[in-house]
Amino acid sequence: PADDATAASGMAASSLGSVTRADGTKQLTIGGW
């Protein structure tokens, strides 16, 4: 799930995002993946 995810200190915060799955839920993405 995408909610509540925060980046580790060795990761760029901007690398985190989300994608809406077919069932409507939000999935975490890292570097777009």
mmCIF file of all heavy atoms, coordinates in Angstrom:
data_MODEL
# 
_entry.id   MODEL 
# 
loop_
_atom_site.group_PDB 
_atom_site.id 
_atom_site.type_symbol 
_atom_site.label_atom_id 
_atom_site.label_alt_id 
_atom_site.label_comp_id 
_atom_site.label_asym_id 
_atom_site.label_entity_id 
_atom_site.label_seq_id 
_atom_site.pdbx_PDB_ins_code 
_atom_site.Cartn_x 
_atom_site.Cartn_y 
_atom_site.Cartn_z 
_atom_site.occupancy 
_atom_site.B_iso_or_equiv 
_atom_site.pdbx_formal_charge 
_atom_site.auth_seq_id 
_atom_site.auth_comp_id 
_atom_site.auth_asym_id 
_atom_site.auth_atom_id 
_atom_site.pdbx_PDB_model_num 
ATOM 1   N N   . PRO A 1 1  ? 0.822   -1.202 0.000   1.00 0.00 ? 1  PRO A N   1 
ATOM 2   C CA  . PRO A 1 1  ? 0.000   0.000  0.000   1.00 0.00 ? 1  PRO A CA  1 
ATOM 3   C C   . PRO A 1 1  ? 0.863   1.262  0.000   1.00 0.00 ? 1  PRO A C   1 
ATOM 4   O O   . PRO A 1 1  ? 1.964   1.285  0.568   1.00 0.00 ? 1  PRO A O   1 
ATOM 5   C CB  . PRO A 1 1  ? -0.791  -0.111 1.308   1.00 0.00 ? 1  PRO A CB  1 
ATOM 6   C CG  . PRO A 1 1  ? -0.795  -1.568 1.622   1.00 0.00 ? 1  PRO A CG  1 
ATOM 7   C CD  . PRO A 1 1  ? 0.542   -2.063 1.160   1.00 0.00 ? 1  PRO A CD  1 
ATOM 8   N N   . ALA A 1 2  ? 0.359   2.298  -0.628  1.00 0.00 ? 2  ALA A N   1 
ATOM 9   C CA  . ALA A 1 2  ? 1.125   3.543  -0.733  1.00 0.00 ? 2  ALA A CA  1 
ATOM 10  C C   . ALA A 1 2  ? 1.019   4.405  0.512   1.00 0.00 ? 2  ALA A C   1 
ATOM 11  O O   . ALA A 1 2  ? 1.893   5.242  0.765   1.00 0.00 ? 2  ALA A O   1 
ATOM 12  C CB  . ALA A 1 2  ? 0.656   4.333  -1.957  1.00 0.00 ? 2  ALA A CB  1 
ATOM 13  N N   . ASP A 1 3  ? -0.039  4.219  1.297   1.00 0.00 ? 3  ASP A N   1 
ATOM 14  C CA  . ASP A 1 3  ? -0.239  5.111  2.439   1.00 0.00 ? 3  ASP A CA  1 
ATOM 15  C C   . ASP A 1 3  ? 0.837   4.900  3.502   1.00 0.00 ? 3  ASP A C   1 
ATOM 16  O O   . ASP A 1 3  ? 1.288   3.800  3.765   1.00 0.00 ? 3  ASP A O   1 
ATOM 17  C CB  . ASP A 1 3  ? -1.632  4.918  3.045   1.00 0.00 ? 3  ASP A CB  1 
ATOM 18  C CG  . ASP A 1 3  ? -1.974  3.456  3.302   1.00 0.00 ? 3  ASP A CG  1 
ATOM 19  O OD1 . ASP A 1 3  ? -1.641  2.617  2.447   1.00 0.00 ? 3  ASP A OD1 1 
ATOM 20  O OD2 . ASP A 1 3  ? -2.576  3.170  4.356   1.00 0.00 ? 3  ASP A OD2 1 
ATOM 21  N N   . ASP A 1 4  ? 1.236   6.000  4.097   1.00 0.00 ? 4  ASP A N   1 
ATOM 22  C CA  . ASP A 1 4  ? 2.179   6.032  5.218   1.00 0.00 ? 4  ASP A CA  1 
ATOM 23  C C   . ASP A 1 4  ? 3.619   5.677  4.867   1.00 0.00 ? 4  ASP A C   1 
ATOM 24  O O   . ASP A 1 4  ? 4.453   5.564  5.769   1.00 0.00 ? 4  ASP A O   1 
ATOM 25  C CB  . ASP A 1 4  ? 1.714   5.131  6.367   1.00 0.00 ? 4  ASP A CB  1 
ATOM 26  C CG  . ASP A 1 4  ? 0.425   5.638  7.014   1.00 0.00 ? 4  ASP A CG  1 
ATOM 27  O OD1 . ASP A 1 4  ? 0.165   6.851  6.903   1.00 0.00 ? 4  ASP A OD1 1 
ATOM 28  O OD2 . ASP A 1 4  ? -0.304  4.832  7.606   1.00 0.00 ? 4  ASP A OD2 1 
ATOM 29  N N   . ALA A 1 5  ? 3.960   5.486  3.609   1.00 0.00 ? 5  ALA A N   1 
ATOM 30  C CA  . ALA A 1 5  ? 5.344   5.147  3.274   1.00 0.00 ? 5  ALA A CA  1 
ATOM 31  C C   . ALA A 1 5  ? 6.215   6.399  3.244   1.00 0.00 ? 5  ALA A C   1 
ATOM 32  O O   . ALA A 1 5  ? 5.835   7.428  2.690   1.00 0.00 ? 5  ALA A O   1 
ATOM 33  C CB  . ALA A 1 5  ? 5.407   4.441  1.925   1.00 0.00 ? 5  ALA A CB  1 
ATOM 34  N N   . THR A 1 6  ? 7.371   6.315  3.879   1.00 0.00 ? 6  THR A N   1 
ATOM 35  C CA  . THR A 1 6  ? 8.358   7.397  3.832   1.00 0.00 ? 6  THR A CA  1 
ATOM 36  C C   . THR A 1 6  ? 9.709   6.819  3.431   1.00 0.00 ? 6  THR A C   1 
ATOM 37  O O   . THR A 1 6  ? 10.023  5.663  3.720   1.00 0.00 ? 6  THR A O   1 
ATOM 38  C CB  . THR A 1 6  ? 8.486   8.107  5.191   1.00 0.00 ? 6  THR A CB  1 
ATOM 39  O OG1 . THR A 1 6  ? 8.829   7.143  6.199   1.00 0.00 ? 6  THR A OG1 1 
ATOM 40  C CG2 . THR A 1 6  ? 7.174   8.789  5.567   1.00 0.00 ? 6  THR A CG2 1 
ATOM 41  N N   . ALA A 1 7  ? 10.517  7.624  2.780   1.00 0.00 ? 7  ALA A N   1 
ATOM 42  C CA  . ALA A 1 7  ? 11.799  7.155  2.255   1.00 0.00 ? 7  ALA A CA  1 
ATOM 43  C C   . ALA A 1 7  ? 12.828  6.961  3.352   1.00 0.00 ? 7  ALA A C   1 
ATOM 44  O O   . ALA A 1 7  ? 12.838  7.669  4.368   1.00 0.00 ? 7  ALA A O   1 
ATOM 45  C CB  . ALA A 1 7  ? 12.322  8.136  1.211   1.00 0.00 ? 7  ALA A CB  1 
ATOM 46  N N   . ALA A 1 8  ? 13.717  6.014  3.171   1.00 0.00 ? 8  ALA A N   1 
ATOM 47  C CA  . ALA A 1 8  ? 14.868  5.833  4.052   1.00 0.00 ? 8  ALA A CA  1 
ATOM 48  C C   . ALA A 1 8  ? 15.851  6.976  3.815   1.00 0.00 ? 8  ALA A C   1 
ATOM 49  O O   . ALA A 1 8  ? 15.802  7.657  2.786   1.00 0.00 ? 8  ALA A O   1 
ATOM 50  C CB  . ALA A 1 8  ? 15.528  4.483  3.770   1.00 0.00 ? 8  ALA A CB  1 
ATOM 51  N N   . SER A 1 9  ? 16.755  7.187  4.759   1.00 0.00 ? 9  SER A N   1 
ATOM 52  C CA  . SER A 1 9  ? 17.701  8.293  4.623   1.00 0.00 ? 9  SER A CA  1 
ATOM 53  C C   . SER A 1 9  ? 18.617  8.131  3.420   1.00 0.00 ? 9  SER A C   1 
ATOM 54  O O   . SER A 1 9  ? 19.145  9.109  2.907   1.00 0.00 ? 9  SER A O   1 
ATOM 55  C CB  . SER A 1 9  ? 18.543  8.421  5.896   1.00 0.00 ? 9  SER A CB  1 
ATOM 56  O OG  . SER A 1 9  ? 19.271  7.232  6.146   1.00 0.00 ? 9  SER A OG  1 
ATOM 57  N N   . GLY A 1 10 ? 18.802  6.887  2.948   1.00 0.00 ? 10 GLY A N   1 
ATOM 58  C CA  . GLY A 1 10 ? 19.645  6.660  1.782   1.00 0.00 ? 10 GLY A CA  1 
ATOM 59  C C   . GLY A 1 10 ? 18.886  6.644  0.481   1.00 0.00 ? 10 GLY A C   1 
ATOM 60  O O   . GLY A 1 10 ? 19.426  6.200  -0.543  1.00 0.00 ? 10 GLY A O   1 
ATOM 61  N N   . MET A 1 11 ? 17.639  7.131  0.493   1.00 0.00 ? 11 MET A N   1 
ATOM 62  C CA  . MET A 1 11 ? 16.795  7.201  -0.702  1.00 0.00 ? 11 MET A CA  1 
ATOM 63  C C   . MET A 1 11 ? 16.315  8.630  -0.899  1.00 0.00 ? 11 MET A C   1 
ATOM 64  O O   . MET A 1 11 ? 16.089  9.353  0.079   1.00 0.00 ? 11 MET A O   1 
ATOM 65  C CB  . MET A 1 11 ? 15.566  6.296  -0.558  1.00 0.00 ? 11 MET A CB  1 
ATOM 66  C CG  . MET A 1 11 ? 15.859  4.836  -0.328  1.00 0.00 ? 11 MET A CG  1 
ATOM 67  S SD  . MET A 1 11 ? 14.343  3.913  0.075   1.00 0.00 ? 11 MET A SD  1 
ATOM 68  C CE  . MET A 1 11 ? 13.403  4.101  -1.461  1.00 0.00 ? 11 MET A CE  1 
ATOM 69  N N   . ALA A 1 12 ? 16.125  9.032  -2.131  1.00 0.00 ? 12 ALA A N   1 
ATOM 70  C CA  . ALA A 1 12 ? 15.535  10.338 -2.399  1.00 0.00 ? 12 ALA A CA  1 
ATOM 71  C C   . ALA A 1 12 ? 14.041  10.278 -2.118  1.00 0.00 ? 12 ALA A C   1 
ATOM 72  O O   . ALA A 1 12 ? 13.357  9.355  -2.579  1.00 0.00 ? 12 ALA A O   1 
ATOM 73  C CB  . ALA A 1 12 ? 15.783  10.734 -3.850  1.00 0.00 ? 12 ALA A CB  1 
ATOM 74  N N   . ALA A 1 13 ? 13.523  11.213 -1.346  1.00 0.00 ? 13 ALA A N   1 
ATOM 75  C CA  . ALA A 1 13 ? 12.097  11.240 -1.038  1.00 0.00 ? 13 ALA A CA  1 
ATOM 76  C C   . ALA A 1 13 ? 11.263  11.284 -2.310  1.00 0.00 ? 13 ALA A C   1 
ATOM 77  O O   . ALA A 1 13 ? 10.169  10.716 -2.373  1.00 0.00 ? 13 ALA A O   1 
ATOM 78  C CB  . ALA A 1 13 ? 11.770  12.433 -0.138  1.00 0.00 ? 13 ALA A CB  1 
ATOM 79  N N   . SER A 1 14 ? 11.790  11.945 -3.343  1.00 0.00 ? 14 SER A N   1 
ATOM 80  C CA  . SER A 1 14 ? 11.069  12.097 -4.604  1.00 0.00 ? 14 SER A CA  1 
ATOM 81  C C   . SER A 1 14 ? 10.931  10.783 -5.364  1.00 0.00 ? 14 SER A C   1 
ATOM 82  O O   . SER A 1 14 ? 10.177  10.689 -6.331  1.00 0.00 ? 14 SER A O   1 
ATOM 83  C CB  . SER A 1 14 ? 11.762  13.122 -5.500  1.00 0.00 ? 14 SER A CB  1 
ATOM 84  O OG  . SER A 1 14 ? 13.093  12.712 -5.794  1.00 0.00 ? 14 SER A OG  1 
ATOM 85  N N   . SER A 1 15 ? 11.667  9.741  -4.934  1.00 0.00 ? 15 SER A N   1 
ATOM 86  C CA  . SER A 1 15 ? 11.584  8.446  -5.624  1.00 0.00 ? 15 SER A CA  1 
ATOM 87  C C   . SER A 1 15 ? 10.312  7.694  -5.279  1.00 0.00 ? 15 SER A C   1 
ATOM 88  O O   . SER A 1 15 ? 9.939   6.749  -5.969  1.00 0.00 ? 15 SER A O   1 
ATOM 89  C CB  . SER A 1 15 ? 12.791  7.578  -5.281  1.00 0.00 ? 15 SER A CB  1 
ATOM 90  O OG  . SER A 1 15 ? 12.759  7.152  -3.928  1.00 0.00 ? 15 SER A OG  1 
ATOM 91  N N   . LEU A 1 16 ? 9.618   8.110  -4.221  1.00 0.00 ? 16 LEU A N   1 
ATOM 92  C CA  . LEU A 1 16 ? 8.388   7.429  -3.819  1.00 0.00 ? 16 LEU A CA  1 
ATOM 93  C C   . LEU A 1 16 ? 7.175   8.046  -4.498  1.00 0.00 ? 16 LEU A C   1 
ATOM 94  O O   . LEU A 1 16 ? 7.089   9.266  -4.648  1.00 0.00 ? 16 LEU A O   1 
ATOM 95  C CB  . LEU A 1 16 ? 8.198   7.496  -2.301  1.00 0.00 ? 16 LEU A CB  1 
ATOM 96  C CG  . LEU A 1 16 ? 9.302   6.905  -1.430  1.00 0.00 ? 16 LEU A CG  1 
ATOM 97  C CD1 . LEU A 1 16 ? 8.835   6.815  0.020   1.00 0.00 ? 16 LEU A CD1 1 
ATOM 98  C CD2 . LEU A 1 16 ? 9.747   5.539  -1.933  1.00 0.00 ? 16 LEU A CD2 1 
ATOM 99  N N   . GLY A 1 17 ? 6.245   7.193  -4.894  1.00 0.00 ? 17 GLY A N   1 
ATOM 100 C CA  . GLY A 1 17 ? 5.001   7.644  -5.513  1.00 0.00 ? 17 GLY A CA  1 
ATOM 101 C C   . GLY A 1 17 ? 3.942   6.577  -5.349  1.00 0.00 ? 17 GLY A C   1 
ATOM 102 O O   . GLY A 1 17 ? 4.044   5.710  -4.476  1.00 0.00 ? 17 GLY A O   1 
ATOM 103 N N   . SER A 1 18 ? 2.928   6.627  -6.178  1.00 0.00 ? 18 SER A N   1 
ATOM 104 C CA  . SER A 1 18 ? 1.856   5.632  -6.097  1.00 0.00 ? 18 SER A CA  1 
ATOM 105 C C   . SER A 1 18 ? 1.240   5.407  -7.463  1.00 0.00 ? 18 SER A C   1 
ATOM 106 O O   . SER A 1 18 ? 1.388   6.229  -8.371  1.00 0.00 ? 18 SER A O   1 
ATOM 107 C CB  . SER A 1 18 ? 0.769   6.080  -5.116  1.00 0.00 ? 18 SER A CB  1 
ATOM 108 O OG  . SER A 1 18 ? 0.091   7.227  -5.598  1.00 0.00 ? 18 SER A OG  1 
ATOM 109 N N   . VAL A 1 19 ? 0.578   4.258  -7.616  1.00 0.00 ? 19 VAL A N   1 
ATOM 110 C CA  . VAL A 1 19 ? -0.172  3.935  -8.816  1.00 0.00 ? 19 VAL A CA  1 
ATOM 111 C C   . VAL A 1 19 ? -1.509  3.375  -8.376  1.00 0.00 ? 19 VAL A C   1 
ATOM 112 O O   . VAL A 1 19 ? -1.600  2.685  -7.353  1.00 0.00 ? 19 VAL A O   1 
ATOM 113 C CB  . VAL A 1 19 ? 0.588   2.916  -9.694  1.00 0.00 ? 19 VAL A CB  1 
ATOM 114 C CG1 . VAL A 1 19 ? 0.830   1.594  -8.960  1.00 0.00 ? 19 VAL A CG1 1 
ATOM 115 C CG2 . VAL A 1 19 ? -0.148  2.659  -10.997 1.00 0.00 ? 19 VAL A CG2 1 
ATOM 116 N N   . THR A 1 20 ? -2.575  3.722  -9.098  1.00 0.00 ? 20 THR A N   1 
ATOM 117 C CA  . THR A 1 20 ? -3.899  3.201  -8.786  1.00 0.00 ? 20 THR A CA  1 
ATOM 118 C C   . THR A 1 20 ? -4.101  1.882  -9.504  1.00 0.00 ? 20 THR A C   1 
ATOM 119 O O   . THR A 1 20 ? -4.018  1.793  -10.724 1.00 0.00 ? 20 THR A O   1 
ATOM 120 C CB  . THR A 1 20 ? -4.995  4.195  -9.200  1.00 0.00 ? 20 THR A CB  1 
ATOM 121 O OG1 . THR A 1 20 ? -4.768  5.444  -8.528  1.00 0.00 ? 20 THR A OG1 1 
ATOM 122 C CG2 . THR A 1 20 ? -6.377  3.668  -8.825  1.00 0.00 ? 20 THR A CG2 1 
ATOM 123 N N   . ARG A 1 21 ? -4.325  0.832  -8.728  1.00 0.00 ? 21 ARG A N   1 
ATOM 124 C CA  . ARG A 1 21 ? -4.532  -0.497 -9.290  1.00 0.00 ? 21 ARG A CA  1 
ATOM 125 C C   . ARG A 1 21 ? -5.950  -0.651 -9.845  1.00 0.00 ? 21 ARG A C   1 
ATOM 126 O O   . ARG A 1 21 ? -6.811  0.213  -9.625  1.00 0.00 ? 21 ARG A O   1 
ATOM 127 C CB  . ARG A 1 21 ? -4.276  -1.556 -8.206  1.00 0.00 ? 21 ARG A CB  1 
ATOM 128 C CG  . ARG A 1 21 ? -2.817  -1.583 -7.764  1.00 0.00 ? 21 ARG A CG  1 
ATOM 129 C CD  . ARG A 1 21 ? -2.590  -2.592 -6.649  1.00 0.00 ? 21 ARG A CD  1 
ATOM 130 N NE  . ARG A 1 21 ? -3.012  -3.942 -7.017  1.00 0.00 ? 21 ARG A NE  1 
ATOM 131 C CZ  . ARG A 1 21 ? -2.285  -4.768 -7.762  1.00 0.00 ? 21 ARG A CZ  1 
ATOM 132 N NH1 . ARG A 1 21 ? -1.097  -4.389 -8.227  1.00 0.00 ? 21 ARG A NH1 1 
ATOM 133 N NH2 . ARG A 1 21 ? -2.737  -5.981 -8.054  1.00 0.00 ? 21 ARG A NH2 1 
ATOM 134 N N   . ALA A 1 22 ? -6.214  -1.753 -10.558 1.00 0.00 ? 22 ALA A N   1 
ATOM 135 C CA  . ALA A 1 22 ? -7.524  -1.986 -11.173 1.00 0.00 ? 22 ALA A CA  1 
ATOM 136 C C   . ALA A 1 22 ? -8.647  -2.025 -10.151 1.00 0.00 ? 22 ALA A C   1 
ATOM 137 O O   . ALA A 1 22 ? -9.786  -1.665 -10.444 1.00 0.00 ? 22 ALA A O   1 
ATOM 138 C CB  . ALA A 1 22 ? -7.503  -3.288 -11.971 1.00 0.00 ? 22 ALA A CB  1 
ATOM 139 N N   . ASP A 1 23 ? -8.302  -2.433 -8.908  1.00 0.00 ? 23 ASP A N   1 
ATOM 140 C CA  . ASP A 1 23 ? -9.336  -2.493 -7.867  1.00 0.00 ? 23 ASP A CA  1 
ATOM 141 C C   . ASP A 1 23 ? -9.509  -1.170 -7.138  1.00 0.00 ? 23 ASP A C   1 
ATOM 142 O O   . ASP A 1 23 ? -10.276 -1.069 -6.177  1.00 0.00 ? 23 ASP A O   1 
ATOM 143 C CB  . ASP A 1 23 ? -9.032  -3.606 -6.861  1.00 0.00 ? 23 ASP A CB  1 
ATOM 144 C CG  . ASP A 1 23 ? -7.710  -3.396 -6.138  1.00 0.00 ? 23 ASP A CG  1 
ATOM 145 O OD1 . ASP A 1 23 ? -7.063  -2.347 -6.327  1.00 0.00 ? 23 ASP A OD1 1 
ATOM 146 O OD2 . ASP A 1 23 ? -7.329  -4.300 -5.355  1.00 0.00 ? 23 ASP A OD2 1 
ATOM 147 N N   . GLY A 1 24 ? -8.810  -0.141 -7.573  1.00 0.00 ? 24 GLY A N   1 
ATOM 148 C CA  . GLY A 1 24 ? -8.950  1.188  -6.986  1.00 0.00 ? 24 GLY A CA  1 
ATOM 149 C C   . GLY A 1 24 ? -8.006  1.480  -5.842  1.00 0.00 ? 24 GLY A C   1 
ATOM 150 O O   . GLY A 1 24 ? -7.942  2.617  -5.369  1.00 0.00 ? 24 GLY A O   1 
ATOM 151 N N   . THR A 1 25 ? -7.257  0.518  -5.380  1.00 0.00 ? 25 THR A N   1 
ATOM 152 C CA  . THR A 1 25 ? -6.319  0.756  -4.286  1.00 0.00 ? 25 THR A CA  1 
ATOM 153 C C   . THR A 1 25 ? -5.047  1.421  -4.792  1.00 0.00 ? 25 THR A C   1 
ATOM 154 O O   . THR A 1 25 ? -4.688  1.305  -5.964  1.00 0.00 ? 25 THR A O   1 
ATOM 155 C CB  . THR A 1 25 ? -5.953  -0.559 -3.574  1.00 0.00 ? 25 THR A CB  1 
ATOM 156 O OG1 . THR A 1 25 ? -5.343  -1.451 -4.511  1.00 0.00 ? 25 THR A OG1 1 
ATOM 157 C CG2 . THR A 1 25 ? -7.196  -1.224 -2.990  1.00 0.00 ? 25 THR A CG2 1 
ATOM 158 N N   . LYS A 1 26 ? -4.383  2.125  -3.899  1.00 0.00 ? 26 LYS A N   1 
ATOM 159 C CA  . LYS A 1 26 ? -3.128  2.803  -4.227  1.00 0.00 ? 26 LYS A CA  1 
ATOM 160 C C   . LYS A 1 26 ? -1.948  1.925  -3.833  1.00 0.00 ? 26 LYS A C   1 
ATOM 161 O O   . LYS A 1 26 ? -1.847  1.475  -2.693  1.00 0.00 ? 26 LYS A O   1 
ATOM 162 C CB  . LYS A 1 26 ? -3.038  4.130  -3.472  1.00 0.00 ? 26 LYS A CB  1 
ATOM 163 C CG  . LYS A 1 26 ? -4.113  5.142  -3.830  1.00 0.00 ? 26 LYS A CG  1 
ATOM 164 C CD  . LYS A 1 26 ? -3.831  5.794  -5.177  1.00 0.00 ? 26 LYS A CD  1 
ATOM 165 C CE  . LYS A 1 26 ? -4.804  6.946  -5.423  1.00 0.00 ? 26 LYS A CE  1 
ATOM 166 N NZ  . LYS A 1 26 ? -4.540  7.608  -6.721  1.00 0.00 ? 26 LYS A NZ  1 
ATOM 167 N N   . GLN A 1 27 ? -1.051  1.706  -4.786  1.00 0.00 ? 27 GLN A N   1 
ATOM 168 C CA  . GLN A 1 27 ? 0.137   0.888  -4.540  1.00 0.00 ? 27 GLN A CA  1 
ATOM 169 C C   . GLN A 1 27 ? 1.377   1.763  -4.554  1.00 0.00 ? 27 GLN A C   1 
ATOM 170 O O   . GLN A 1 27 ? 1.523   2.662  -5.377  1.00 0.00 ? 27 GLN A O   1 
ATOM 171 C CB  . GLN A 1 27 ? 0.255   -0.204 -5.611  1.00 0.00 ? 27 GLN A CB  1 
ATOM 172 C CG  . GLN A 1 27 ? 1.448   -1.127 -5.438  1.00 0.00 ? 27 GLN A CG  1 
ATOM 173 C CD  . GLN A 1 27 ? 1.487   -2.237 -6.487  1.00 0.00 ? 27 GLN A CD  1 
ATOM 174 O OE1 . GLN A 1 27 ? 0.605   -2.311 -7.361  1.00 0.00 ? 27 GLN A OE1 1 
ATOM 175 N NE2 . GLN A 1 27 ? 2.492   -3.097 -6.419  1.00 0.00 ? 27 GLN A NE2 1 
ATOM 176 N N   . LEU A 1 28 ? 2.272   1.516  -3.633  1.00 0.00 ? 28 LEU A N   1 
ATOM 177 C CA  . LEU A 1 28 ? 3.527   2.248  -3.556  1.00 0.00 ? 28 LEU A CA  1 
ATOM 178 C C   . LEU A 1 28 ? 4.375   2.016  -4.805  1.00 0.00 ? 28 LEU A C   1 
ATOM 179 O O   . LEU A 1 28 ? 4.460   0.893  -5.309  1.00 0.00 ? 28 LEU A O   1 
ATOM 180 C CB  . LEU A 1 28 ? 4.316   1.784  -2.327  1.00 0.00 ? 28 LEU A CB  1 
ATOM 181 C CG  . LEU A 1 28 ? 5.717   2.384  -2.136  1.00 0.00 ? 28 LEU A CG  1 
ATOM 182 C CD1 . LEU A 1 28 ? 5.626   3.871  -1.819  1.00 0.00 ? 28 LEU A CD1 1 
ATOM 183 C CD2 . LEU A 1 28 ? 6.451   1.638  -1.023  1.00 0.00 ? 28 LEU A CD2 1 
ATOM 184 N N   . THR A 1 29 ? 5.013   3.052  -5.285  1.00 0.00 ? 29 THR A N   1 
ATOM 185 C CA  . THR A 1 29 ? 6.006   2.934  -6.354  1.00 0.00 ? 29 THR A CA  1 
ATOM 186 C C   . THR A 1 29 ? 7.333   3.488  -5.863  1.00 0.00 ? 29 THR A C   1 
ATOM 187 O O   . THR A 1 29 ? 7.388   4.423  -5.052  1.00 0.00 ? 29 THR A O   1 
ATOM 188 C CB  . THR A 1 29 ? 5.594   3.676  -7.640  1.00 0.00 ? 29 THR A CB  1 
ATOM 189 O OG1 . THR A 1 29 ? 5.447   5.076  -7.362  1.00 0.00 ? 29 THR A OG1 1 
ATOM 190 C CG2 . THR A 1 29 ? 4.288   3.116  -8.199  1.00 0.00 ? 29 THR A CG2 1 
ATOM 191 N N   . ILE A 1 30 ? 8.418   2.904  -6.354  1.00 0.00 ? 30 ILE A N   1 
ATOM 192 C CA  . ILE A 1 30 ? 9.764   3.377  -6.055  1.00 0.00 ? 30 ILE A CA  1 
ATOM 193 C C   . ILE A 1 30 ? 10.472  3.575  -7.390  1.00 0.00 ? 30 ILE A C   1 
ATOM 194 O O   . ILE A 1 30 ? 10.613  2.639  -8.172  1.00 0.00 ? 30 ILE A O   1 
ATOM 195 C CB  . ILE A 1 30 ? 10.535  2.362  -5.190  1.00 0.00 ? 30 ILE A CB  1 
ATOM 196 C CG1 . ILE A 1 30 ? 9.775   2.096  -3.879  1.00 0.00 ? 30 ILE A CG1 1 
ATOM 197 C CG2 . ILE A 1 30 ? 11.947  2.872  -4.907  1.00 0.00 ? 30 ILE A CG2 1 
ATOM 198 C CD1 . ILE A 1 30 ? 10.411  1.015  -3.013  1.00 0.00 ? 30 ILE A CD1 1 
ATOM 199 N N   . GLY A 1 31 ? 10.835  4.783  -7.669  1.00 0.00 ? 31 GLY A N   1 
ATOM 200 C CA  . GLY A 1 31 ? 11.418  5.087  -8.977  1.00 0.00 ? 31 GLY A CA  1 
ATOM 201 C C   . GLY A 1 31 ? 10.428  4.810  -10.089 1.00 0.00 ? 31 GLY A C   1 
ATOM 202 O O   . GLY A 1 31 ? 10.830  4.515  -11.217 1.00 0.00 ? 31 GLY A O   1 
ATOM 203 N N   . GLY A 1 32 ? 9.138   4.905  -9.786  1.00 0.00 ? 32 GLY A N   1 
ATOM 204 C CA  . GLY A 1 32 ? 8.075   4.669  -10.752 1.00 0.00 ? 32 GLY A CA  1 
ATOM 205 C C   . GLY A 1 32 ? 7.604   3.230  -10.795 1.00 0.00 ? 32 GLY A C   1 
ATOM 206 O O   . GLY A 1 32 ? 6.522   2.942  -11.311 1.00 0.00 ? 32 GLY A O   1 
ATOM 207 N N   . TRP A 1 33 ? 8.378   2.304  -10.239 1.00 0.00 ? 33 TRP A N   1 
ATOM 208 C CA  . TRP A 1 33 ? 8.046   0.880  -10.308 1.00 0.00 ? 33 TRP A CA  1 
ATOM 209 C C   . TRP A 1 33 ? 7.178   0.455  -9.127  1.00 0.00 ? 33 TRP A C   1 
ATOM 210 O O   . TRP A 1 33 ? 7.530   0.731  -7.971  1.00 0.00 ? 33 TRP A O   1 
ATOM 211 C CB  . TRP A 1 33 ? 9.315   0.034  -10.321 1.00 0.00 ? 33 TRP A CB  1 
ATOM 212 C CG  . TRP A 1 33 ? 10.086  0.166  -11.588 1.00 0.00 ? 33 TRP A CG  1 
ATOM 213 C CD1 . TRP A 1 33 ? 11.087  1.061  -11.849 1.00 0.00 ? 33 TRP A CD1 1 
ATOM 214 C CD2 . TRP A 1 33 ? 9.910   -0.613 -12.779 1.00 0.00 ? 33 TRP A CD2 1 
ATOM 215 N NE1 . TRP A 1 33 ? 11.557  0.892  -13.132 1.00 0.00 ? 33 TRP A NE1 1 
ATOM 216 C CE2 . TRP A 1 33 ? 10.853  -0.128 -13.727 1.00 0.00 ? 33 TRP A CE2 1 
ATOM 217 C CE3 . TRP A 1 33 ? 9.070   -1.664 -13.138 1.00 0.00 ? 33 TRP A CE3 1 
ATOM 218 C CZ2 . TRP A 1 33 ? 10.953  -0.670 -15.011 1.00 0.00 ? 33 TRP A CZ2 1 
ATOM 219 C CZ3 . TRP A 1 33 ? 9.183   -2.204 -14.411 1.00 0.00 ? 33 TRP A CZ3 1 
ATOM 220 C CH2 . TRP A 1 33 ? 10.111  -1.705 -15.329 1.00 0.00 ? 33 TRP A CH2 1 
# 
